[in-house]
Amino acid sequence: MYMAKQTGKTSNSAHEPNLKGTMVAVMFVAAFLIISWFGVWGIFIAR
C-alpha cells in the first residue's frame, strides 16, 4: 500500500478554510453576552 509523505503545510493548508471571520463573529457574540450579563446584573444590583 502506498502512503504519501506529508511535508509540513504544503498538502494540509490547501484544504483548510480561513477561519478569521468565524473567530471575529464568535468574539462579537461573546462580547454581546458579557455586556448583556453585566447590564442585567447592574439592573439587579441597582434595585
Protein backbone atom coordinates (compact mmCIF):
# COMPACT_ATOMS: atom_id res chain seq x y z
CA MET A 1 0.00 0.00 0.00
CA TYR A 2 1.37 3.41 -0.98
CA MET A 3 1.40 6.12 1.69
CA ALA A 4 2.25 9.68 0.74
CA LYS A 5 4.65 11.54 2.96
CA GLN A 6 3.22 14.82 4.18
CA THR A 7 5.70 17.65 4.41
CA GLY A 8 4.60 20.49 6.69
CA LYS A 9 1.83 22.75 5.48
CA THR A 10 2.11 22.12 1.76
CA SER A 11 -0.55 19.42 1.48
CA ASN A 12 -2.57 20.34 4.56
CA SER A 13 -3.02 24.11 4.21
CA ALA A 14 -4.64 23.87 0.78
CA HIS A 15 -7.69 22.19 2.32
CA GLU A 16 -8.11 24.27 5.48
CA PRO A 17 -10.57 27.17 5.25
CA ASN A 18 -9.74 30.64 6.53
CA LEU A 19 -11.46 30.96 9.93
CA LYS A 20 -10.54 34.54 10.85
CA GLY A 21 -14.08 35.74 10.14
CA THR A 22 -15.51 32.99 12.31
CA MET A 23 -13.27 33.99 15.20
CA VAL A 24 -14.32 37.65 14.87
CA ALA A 25 -18.01 36.65 14.84
CA VAL A 26 -17.55 34.48 17.94
CA MET A 27 -15.77 37.33 19.72
CA PHE A 28 -18.65 39.71 18.89
CA VAL A 29 -21.20 37.22 20.24
CA ALA A 30 -19.12 36.67 23.39
CA ALA A 31 -18.77 40.43 23.93
CA PHE A 32 -22.54 40.86 23.48
CA LEU A 33 -23.26 38.14 26.03
CA ILE A 34 -20.82 39.55 28.58
CA ILE A 35 -22.11 43.12 28.17
CA SER A 36 -25.71 41.91 28.41
CA TRP A 37 -24.94 39.86 31.51
CA PHE A 38 -23.28 42.78 33.27
CA GLY A 39 -26.14 45.07 32.21
CA VAL A 40 -28.77 42.79 33.75
CA TRP A 41 -26.58 42.28 36.82
CA GLY A 42 -26.26 46.06 37.17
CA ILE A 43 -30.02 46.48 36.98
CA PHE A 44 -30.43 43.76 39.61
CA ILE A 45 -27.91 45.39 41.96
CA ALA A 46 -29.42 48.86 41.48
CA ARG A 47 -32.85 47.75 42.65
